[in-house]
Amino acid sequence: MTDADTRTWIVLLLLTGLAFALGERGGTAVLALAAGKFGLVAWQFMDLRHAARIWSAVLLVLLVCTLTAVVALR
């Protein structure tokens, strides 16, 4: 693992702990944390940073649509 991978992993652990601390009362904040974690994993560990920009855009649109649907159905 590189230093960037290690830093990303630590940030993911901290975000997971924060989401756990917020618990059920966090609501939308927990969803936002999950979206951030998704972005970090895709960017760092799925090498989206090296992919064509269209794939980053498609992934962002998919994430926004999914979060919108989840918030709308709550």
PDB file of N, CA and C in Angstrom:
ATOM      1  N   MET A   1       0.843  -1.185   0.000  1.00  0.00           N
ATOM      2  CA  MET A   1       0.000   0.000   0.000  1.00  0.00           C
ATOM      3  C   MET A   1       0.885   1.244   0.000  1.00  0.00           C
ATOM      4  N   THR A   2       0.421   2.231  -0.722  1.00  0.00           N
ATOM      5  CA  THR A   2       1.147   3.491  -0.759  1.00  0.00           C
ATOM      6  C   THR A   2       0.717   4.372   0.401  1.00  0.00           C
ATOM      7  N   ASP A   3       1.404   5.483   0.579  1.00  0.00           N
ATOM      8  CA  ASP A   3       1.026   6.427   1.635  1.00  0.00           C
ATOM      9  C   ASP A   3      -0.358   7.002   1.390  1.00  0.00           C
ATOM     10  N   ALA A   4      -0.682   7.260   0.132  1.00  0.00           N
ATOM     11  CA  ALA A   4      -2.007   7.793  -0.193  1.00  0.00           C
ATOM     12  C   ALA A   4      -3.096   6.772   0.143  1.00  0.00           C
ATOM     13  N   ASP A   5      -2.826   5.496  -0.126  1.00  0.00           N
ATOM     14  CA  ASP A   5      -3.790   4.451   0.224  1.00  0.00           C
ATOM     15  C   ASP A   5      -3.986   4.392   1.738  1.00  0.00           C
ATOM     16  N   THR A   6      -2.911   4.491   2.468  1.00  0.00           N
ATOM     17  CA  THR A   6      -2.992   4.441   3.925  1.00  0.00           C
ATOM     18  C   THR A   6      -3.766   5.633   4.477  1.00  0.00           C
ATOM     19  N   ARG A   7      -3.474   6.824   3.958  1.00  0.00           N
ATOM     20  CA  ARG A   7      -4.216   8.015   4.408  1.00  0.00           C
ATOM     21  C   ARG A   7      -5.704   7.893   4.082  1.00  0.00           C
ATOM     22  N   THR A   8      -6.022   7.408   2.899  1.00  0.00           N
ATOM     23  CA  THR A   8      -7.423   7.231   2.512  1.00  0.00           C
ATOM     24  C   THR A   8      -8.095   6.220   3.412  1.00  0.00           C
ATOM     25  N   TRP A   9      -7.408   5.139   3.726  1.00  0.00           N
ATOM     26  CA  TRP A   9      -7.968   4.119   4.593  1.00  0.00           C
ATOM     27  C   TRP A   9      -8.253   4.688   5.988  1.00  0.00           C
ATOM     28  N   ILE A  10      -7.342   5.504   6.508  1.00  0.00           N
ATOM     29  CA  ILE A  10      -7.549   6.123   7.822  1.00  0.00           C
ATOM     30  C   ILE A  10      -8.748   7.067   7.784  1.00  0.00           C
ATOM     31  N   VAL A  11      -8.874   7.855   6.720  1.00  0.00           N
ATOM     32  CA  VAL A  11     -10.026   8.752   6.580  1.00  0.00           C
ATOM     33  C   VAL A  11     -11.318   7.940   6.515  1.00  0.00           C
ATOM     34  N   LEU A  12     -11.299   6.826   5.800  1.00  0.00           N
ATOM     35  CA  LEU A  12     -12.487   5.969   5.732  1.00  0.00           C
ATOM     36  C   LEU A  12     -12.857   5.424   7.109  1.00  0.00           C
ATOM     37  N   LEU A  13     -11.859   5.044   7.887  1.00  0.00           N
ATOM     38  CA  LEU A  13     -12.126   4.573   9.250  1.00  0.00           C
ATOM     39  C   LEU A  13     -12.741   5.679  10.107  1.00  0.00           C
ATOM     40  N   LEU A  14     -12.192   6.890   9.993  1.00  0.00           N
ATOM     41  CA  LEU A  14     -12.733   8.011  10.766  1.00  0.00           C
ATOM     42  C   LEU A  14     -14.169   8.339  10.352  1.00  0.00           C
ATOM     43  N   LEU A  15     -14.440   8.319   9.057  1.00  0.00           N
ATOM     44  CA  LEU A  15     -15.799   8.585   8.583  1.00  0.00           C
ATOM     45  C   LEU A  15     -16.771   7.498   9.038  1.00  0.00           C
ATOM     46  N   THR A  16     -16.304   6.261   9.068  1.00  0.00           N
ATOM     47  CA  THR A  16     -17.140   5.164   9.560  1.00  0.00           C
ATOM     48  C   THR A  16     -17.448   5.351  11.039  1.00  0.00           C
ATOM     49  N   GLY A  17     -16.443   5.732  11.815  1.00  0.00           N
ATOM     50  CA  GLY A  17     -16.668   5.998  13.237  1.00  0.00           C
ATOM     51  C   GLY A  17     -17.625   7.146  13.460  1.00  0.00           C
ATOM     52  N   LEU A  18     -17.495   8.194  12.652  1.00  0.00           N
ATOM     53  CA  LEU A  18     -18.412   9.332  12.764  1.00  0.00           C
ATOM     54  C   LEU A  18     -19.834   8.924  12.414  1.00  0.00           C
ATOM     55  N   ALA A  19     -19.998   8.134  11.371  1.00  0.00           N
ATOM     56  CA  ALA A  19     -21.333   7.657  10.996  1.00  0.00           C
ATOM     57  C   ALA A  19     -21.923   6.788  12.108  1.00  0.00           C
ATOM     58  N   PHE A  20     -21.086   5.968  12.729  1.00  0.00           N
ATOM     59  CA  PHE A  20     -21.552   5.133  13.835  1.00  0.00           C
ATOM     60  C   PHE A  20     -21.983   6.001  15.013  1.00  0.00           C
ATOM     61  N   ALA A  21     -21.197   7.049  15.291  1.00  0.00           N
ATOM     62  CA  ALA A  21     -21.521   7.930  16.414  1.00  0.00           C
ATOM     63  C   ALA A  21     -22.836   8.682  16.166  1.00  0.00           C
ATOM     64  N   LEU A  22     -23.066   9.060  14.920  1.00  0.00           N
ATOM     65  CA  LEU A  22     -24.313   9.758  14.607  1.00  0.00           C
ATOM     66  C   LEU A  22     -25.517   8.834  14.729  1.00  0.00           C
ATOM     67  N   GLY A  23     -25.297   7.579  14.395  1.00  0.00           N
ATOM     68  CA  GLY A  23     -26.346   6.578  14.539  1.00  0.00           C
ATOM     69  C   GLY A  23     -27.590   6.892  13.729  1.00  0.00           C
ATOM     70  N   GLU A  24     -28.722   6.478  14.253  1.00  0.00           N
ATOM     71  CA  GLU A  24     -29.983   6.665  13.540  1.00  0.00           C
ATOM     72  C   GLU A  24     -30.441   8.115  13.534  1.00  0.00           C
ATOM     73  N   ARG A  25     -29.977   8.913  14.455  1.00  0.00           N
ATOM     74  CA  ARG A  25     -30.430  10.302  14.495  1.00  0.00           C
ATOM     75  C   ARG A  25     -29.686  11.178  13.481  1.00  0.00           C
ATOM     76  N   GLY A  26     -28.658  10.629  12.843  1.00  0.00           N
ATOM     77  CA  GLY A  26     -27.875  11.369  11.873  1.00  0.00           C
ATOM     78  C   GLY A  26     -28.606  11.602  10.566  1.00  0.00           C
ATOM     79  N   GLY A  27     -29.405  10.632  10.142  1.00  0.00           N
ATOM     80  CA  GLY A  27     -30.217  10.750   8.942  1.00  0.00           C
ATOM     81  C   GLY A  27     -29.437  11.112   7.693  1.00  0.00           C
ATOM     82  N   THR A  28     -29.680  12.310   7.211  1.00  0.00           N
ATOM     83  CA  THR A  28     -29.065  12.762   5.968  1.00  0.00           C
ATOM     84  C   THR A  28     -27.550  12.885   6.100  1.00  0.00           C
ATOM     85  N   ALA A  29     -27.060  13.209   7.277  1.00  0.00           N
ATOM     86  CA  ALA A  29     -25.613  13.323   7.478  1.00  0.00           C
ATOM     87  C   ALA A  29     -24.926  11.979   7.268  1.00  0.00           C
ATOM     88  N   VAL A  30     -25.568  10.908   7.722  1.00  0.00           N
ATOM     89  CA  VAL A  30     -24.997   9.573   7.538  1.00  0.00           C
ATOM     90  C   VAL A  30     -24.972   9.228   6.050  1.00  0.00           C
ATOM     91  N   LEU A  31     -26.011   9.615   5.321  1.00  0.00           N
ATOM     92  CA  LEU A  31     -26.032   9.386   3.877  1.00  0.00           C
ATOM     93  C   LEU A  31     -24.933  10.176   3.181  1.00  0.00           C
ATOM     94  N   ALA A  32     -24.711  11.399   3.617  1.00  0.00           N
ATOM     95  CA  ALA A  32     -23.649  12.218   3.032  1.00  0.00           C
ATOM     96  C   ALA A  32     -22.276  11.596   3.317  1.00  0.00           C
ATOM     97  N   LEU A  33     -22.088  11.081   4.508  1.00  0.00           N
ATOM     98  CA  LEU A  33     -20.834  10.402   4.837  1.00  0.00           C
ATOM     99  C   LEU A  33     -20.646   9.156   3.972  1.00  0.00           C
ATOM    100  N   ALA A  34     -21.724   8.411   3.763  1.00  0.00           N
ATOM    101  CA  ALA A  34     -21.643   7.225   2.912  1.00  0.00           C
ATOM    102  C   ALA A  34     -21.289   7.610   1.479  1.00  0.00           C
ATOM    103  N   ALA A  35     -21.845   8.703   1.003  1.00  0.00           N
ATOM    104  CA  ALA A  35     -21.531   9.165  -0.350  1.00  0.00           C
ATOM    105  C   ALA A  35     -20.063   9.574  -0.446  1.00  0.00           C
ATOM    106  N   GLY A  36     -19.571  10.246   0.574  1.00  0.00           N
ATOM    107  CA  GLY A  36     -18.162  10.625   0.595  1.00  0.00           C
ATOM    108  C   GLY A  36     -17.245   9.420   0.615  1.00  0.00           C
ATOM    109  N   LYS A  37     -17.624   8.420   1.398  1.00  0.00           N
ATOM    110  CA  LYS A  37     -16.830   7.196   1.453  1.00  0.00           C
ATOM    111  C   LYS A  37     -16.845   6.478   0.107  1.00  0.00           C
ATOM    112  N   PHE A  38     -17.984   6.462  -0.524  1.00  0.00           N
ATOM    113  CA  PHE A  38     -18.094   5.853  -1.851  1.00  0.00           C
ATOM    114  C   PHE A  38     -17.154   6.547  -2.833  1.00  0.00           C
ATOM    115  N   GLY A  39     -17.158   7.865  -2.791  1.00  0.00           N
ATOM    116  CA  GLY A  39     -16.282   8.626  -3.673  1.00  0.00           C
ATOM    117  C   GLY A  39     -14.808   8.349  -3.406  1.00  0.00           C
ATOM    118  N   LEU A  40     -14.436   8.286  -2.142  1.00  0.00           N
ATOM    119  CA  LEU A  40     -13.041   7.995  -1.790  1.00  0.00           C
ATOM    120  C   LEU A  40     -12.600   6.614  -2.261  1.00  0.00           C
ATOM    121  N   VAL A  41     -13.453   5.621  -2.052  1.00  0.00           N
ATOM    122  CA  VAL A  41     -13.113   4.266  -2.479  1.00  0.00           C
ATOM    123  C   VAL A  41     -12.988   4.200  -3.998  1.00  0.00           C
ATOM    124  N   ALA A  42     -13.935   4.813  -4.694  1.00  0.00           N
ATOM    125  CA  ALA A  42     -13.889   4.789  -6.160  1.00  0.00           C
ATOM    126  C   ALA A  42     -12.650   5.517  -6.675  1.00  0.00           C
ATOM    127  N   TRP A  43     -12.347   6.658  -6.095  1.00  0.00           N
ATOM    128  CA  TRP A  43     -11.232   7.470  -6.575  1.00  0.00           C
ATOM    129  C   TRP A  43      -9.883   6.816  -6.282  1.00  0.00           C
ATOM    130  N   GLN A  44      -9.720   6.340  -5.040  1.00  0.00           N
ATOM    131  CA  GLN A  44      -8.409   5.844  -4.619  1.00  0.00           C
ATOM    132  C   GLN A  44      -8.189   4.370  -4.952  1.00  0.00           C
ATOM    133  N   PHE A  45      -9.165   3.525  -4.602  1.00  0.00           N
ATOM    134  CA  PHE A  45      -8.929   2.092  -4.695  1.00  0.00           C
ATOM    135  C   PHE A  45      -9.427   1.473  -5.995  1.00  0.00           C
ATOM    136  N   MET A  46     -10.367   2.121  -6.678  1.00  0.00           N
ATOM    137  CA  MET A  46     -10.837   1.626  -7.973  1.00  0.00           C
ATOM    138  C   MET A  46     -10.165   2.388  -9.108  1.00  0.00           C
ATOM    139  N   ASP A  47      -9.189   3.240  -8.770  1.00  0.00           N
ATOM    140  CA  ASP A  47      -8.380   4.003  -9.728  1.00  0.00           C
ATOM    141  C   ASP A  47      -9.201   4.855 -10.680  1.00  0.00           C
ATOM    142  N   LEU A  48     -10.278   5.422 -10.185  1.00  0.00           N
ATOM    143  CA  LEU A  48     -11.081   6.315 -11.012  1.00  0.00           C
ATOM    144  C   LEU A  48     -10.290   7.564 -11.382  1.00  0.00           C
ATOM    145  N   ARG A  49      -9.294   7.909 -10.592  1.00  0.00           N
ATOM    146  CA  ARG A  49      -8.492   9.100 -10.880  1.00  0.00           C
ATOM    147  C   ARG A  49      -7.701   8.949 -12.170  1.00  0.00           C
ATOM    148  N   HIS A  50      -7.496   7.703 -12.621  1.00  0.00           N
ATOM    149  CA  HIS A  50      -6.764   7.455 -13.859  1.00  0.00           C
ATOM    150  C   HIS A  50      -7.691   7.187 -15.046  1.00  0.00           C
ATOM    151  N   ALA A  51      -8.981   7.123 -14.796  1.00  0.00           N
ATOM    152  CA  ALA A  51      -9.941   6.811 -15.852  1.00  0.00           C
ATOM    153  C   ALA A  51     -10.296   8.077 -16.633  1.00  0.00           C
ATOM    154  N   ALA A  52     -10.990   7.887 -17.732  1.00  0.00           N
ATOM    155  CA  ALA A  52     -11.470   9.021 -18.514  1.00  0.00           C
ATOM    156  C   ALA A  52     -12.476   9.825 -17.681  1.00  0.00           C
ATOM    157  N   ARG A  53     -12.518  11.117 -17.926  1.00  0.00           N
ATOM    158  CA  ARG A  53     -13.400  11.994 -17.135  1.00  0.00           C
ATOM    159  C   ARG A  53     -14.867  11.621 -17.253  1.00  0.00           C
ATOM    160  N   ILE A  54     -15.247  11.029 -18.360  1.00  0.00           N
ATOM    161  CA  ILE A  54     -16.653  10.642 -18.531  1.00  0.00           C
ATOM    162  C   ILE A  54     -17.078   9.644 -17.458  1.00  0.00           C
ATOM    163  N   TRP A  55     -16.158   8.753 -17.065  1.00  0.00           N
ATOM    164  CA  TRP A  55     -16.502   7.769 -16.031  1.00  0.00           C
ATOM    165  C   TRP A  55     -16.676   8.430 -14.671  1.00  0.00           C
ATOM    166  N   SER A  56     -15.886   9.430 -14.390  1.00  0.00           N
ATOM    167  CA  SER A  56     -16.071  10.187 -13.145  1.00  0.00           C
ATOM    168  C   SER A  56     -17.419  10.877 -13.149  1.00  0.00           C
ATOM    169  N   ALA A  57     -17.782  11.456 -14.291  1.00  0.00           N
ATOM    170  CA  ALA A  57     -19.063  12.148 -14.407  1.00  0.00           C
ATOM    171  C   ALA A  57     -20.230  11.169 -14.272  1.00  0.00           C
ATOM    172  N   VAL A  58     -20.122  10.020 -14.918  1.00  0.00           N
ATOM    173  CA  VAL A  58     -21.181   9.014 -14.832  1.00  0.00           C
ATOM    174  C   VAL A  58     -21.350   8.541 -13.396  1.00  0.00           C
ATOM    175  N   LEU A  59     -20.258   8.307 -12.714  1.00  0.00           N
ATOM    176  CA  LEU A  59     -20.316   7.858 -11.330  1.00  0.00           C
ATOM    177  C   LEU A  59     -20.928   8.922 -10.423  1.00  0.00           C
ATOM    178  N   LEU A  60     -20.583  10.186 -10.661  1.00  0.00           N
ATOM    179  CA  LEU A  60     -21.153  11.276  -9.874  1.00  0.00           C
ATOM    180  C   LEU A  60     -22.656  11.386 -10.095  1.00  0.00           C
ATOM    181  N   VAL A  61     -23.091  11.292 -11.344  1.00  0.00           N
ATOM    182  CA  VAL A  61     -24.524  11.357 -11.651  1.00  0.00           C
ATOM    183  C   VAL A  61     -25.259  10.189 -11.002  1.00  0.00           C
ATOM    184  N   LEU A  62     -24.674   8.999 -11.073  1.00  0.00           N
ATOM    185  CA  LEU A  62     -25.281   7.828 -10.444  1.00  0.00           C
ATOM    186  C   LEU A  62     -25.412   8.020  -8.939  1.00  0.00           C
ATOM    187  N   LEU A  63     -24.391   8.547  -8.326  1.00  0.00           N
ATOM    188  CA  LEU A  63     -24.408   8.784  -6.886  1.00  0.00           C
ATOM    189  C   LEU A  63     -25.473   9.809  -6.507  1.00  0.00           C
ATOM    190  N   VAL A  64     -25.543  10.898  -7.240  1.00  0.00           N
ATOM    191  CA  VAL A  64     -26.539  11.944  -6.944  1.00  0.00           C
ATOM    192  C   VAL A  64     -27.956  11.406  -7.141  1.00  0.00           C
ATOM    193  N   CYS A  65     -28.192  10.668  -8.203  1.00  0.00           N
ATOM    194  CA  CYS A  65     -29.524  10.096  -8.447  1.00  0.00           C
ATOM    195  C   CYS A  65     -29.918   9.115  -7.342  1.00  0.00           C
ATOM    196  N   THR A  66     -28.976   8.294  -6.933  1.00  0.00           N
ATOM    197  CA  THR A  66     -29.252   7.321  -5.880  1.00  0.00           C
ATOM    198  C   THR A  66     -29.572   8.010  -4.562  1.00  0.00           C
ATOM    199  N   LEU A  67     -28.759   8.989  -4.190  1.00  0.00           N
ATOM    200  CA  LEU A  67     -29.013   9.715  -2.936  1.00  0.00           C
ATOM    201  C   LEU A  67     -30.329  10.472  -2.983  1.00  0.00           C
ATOM    202  N   THR A  68     -30.633  11.071  -4.130  1.00  0.00           N
ATOM    203  CA  THR A  68     -31.909  11.776  -4.265  1.00  0.00           C
ATOM    204  C   THR A  68     -33.084  10.823  -4.084  1.00  0.00           C
ATOM    205  N   ALA A  69     -32.987   9.661  -4.690  1.00  0.00           N
ATOM    206  CA  ALA A  69     -34.071   8.669  -4.560  1.00  0.00           C
ATOM    207  C   ALA A  69     -34.203   8.200  -3.113  1.00  0.00           C
ATOM    208  N   VAL A  70     -33.103   7.954  -2.446  1.00  0.00           N
ATOM    209  CA  VAL A  70     -33.163   7.484  -1.058  1.00  0.00           C
ATOM    210  C   VAL A  70     -33.761   8.562  -0.146  1.00  0.00           C
ATOM    211  N   VAL A  71     -33.336   9.804  -0.320  1.00  0.00           N
ATOM    212  CA  VAL A  71     -33.877  10.887   0.509  1.00  0.00           C
ATOM    213  C   VAL A  71     -35.351  11.107   0.204  1.00  0.00           C
ATOM    214  N   ALA A  72     -35.746  11.022  -1.055  1.00  0.00           N
ATOM    215  CA  ALA A  72     -37.137  11.231  -1.446  1.00  0.00           C
ATOM    216  C   ALA A  72     -38.038  10.132  -0.891  1.00  0.00           C
ATOM    217  N   LEU A  73     -37.533   8.926  -0.769  1.00  0.00           N
ATOM    218  CA  LEU A  73     -38.346   7.796  -0.296  1.00  0.00           C
ATOM    219  C   LEU A  73     -38.358   7.636   1.220  1.00  0.00           C
ATOM    220  N   ARG A  74     -37.616   8.479   1.908  1.00  0.00           N
ATOM    221  CA  ARG A  74     -37.580   8.379   3.378  1.00  0.00           C
ATOM    222  C   ARG A  74     -38.857   8.823   3.984  1.00  0.00           C
TER     223      ARG A  74
END
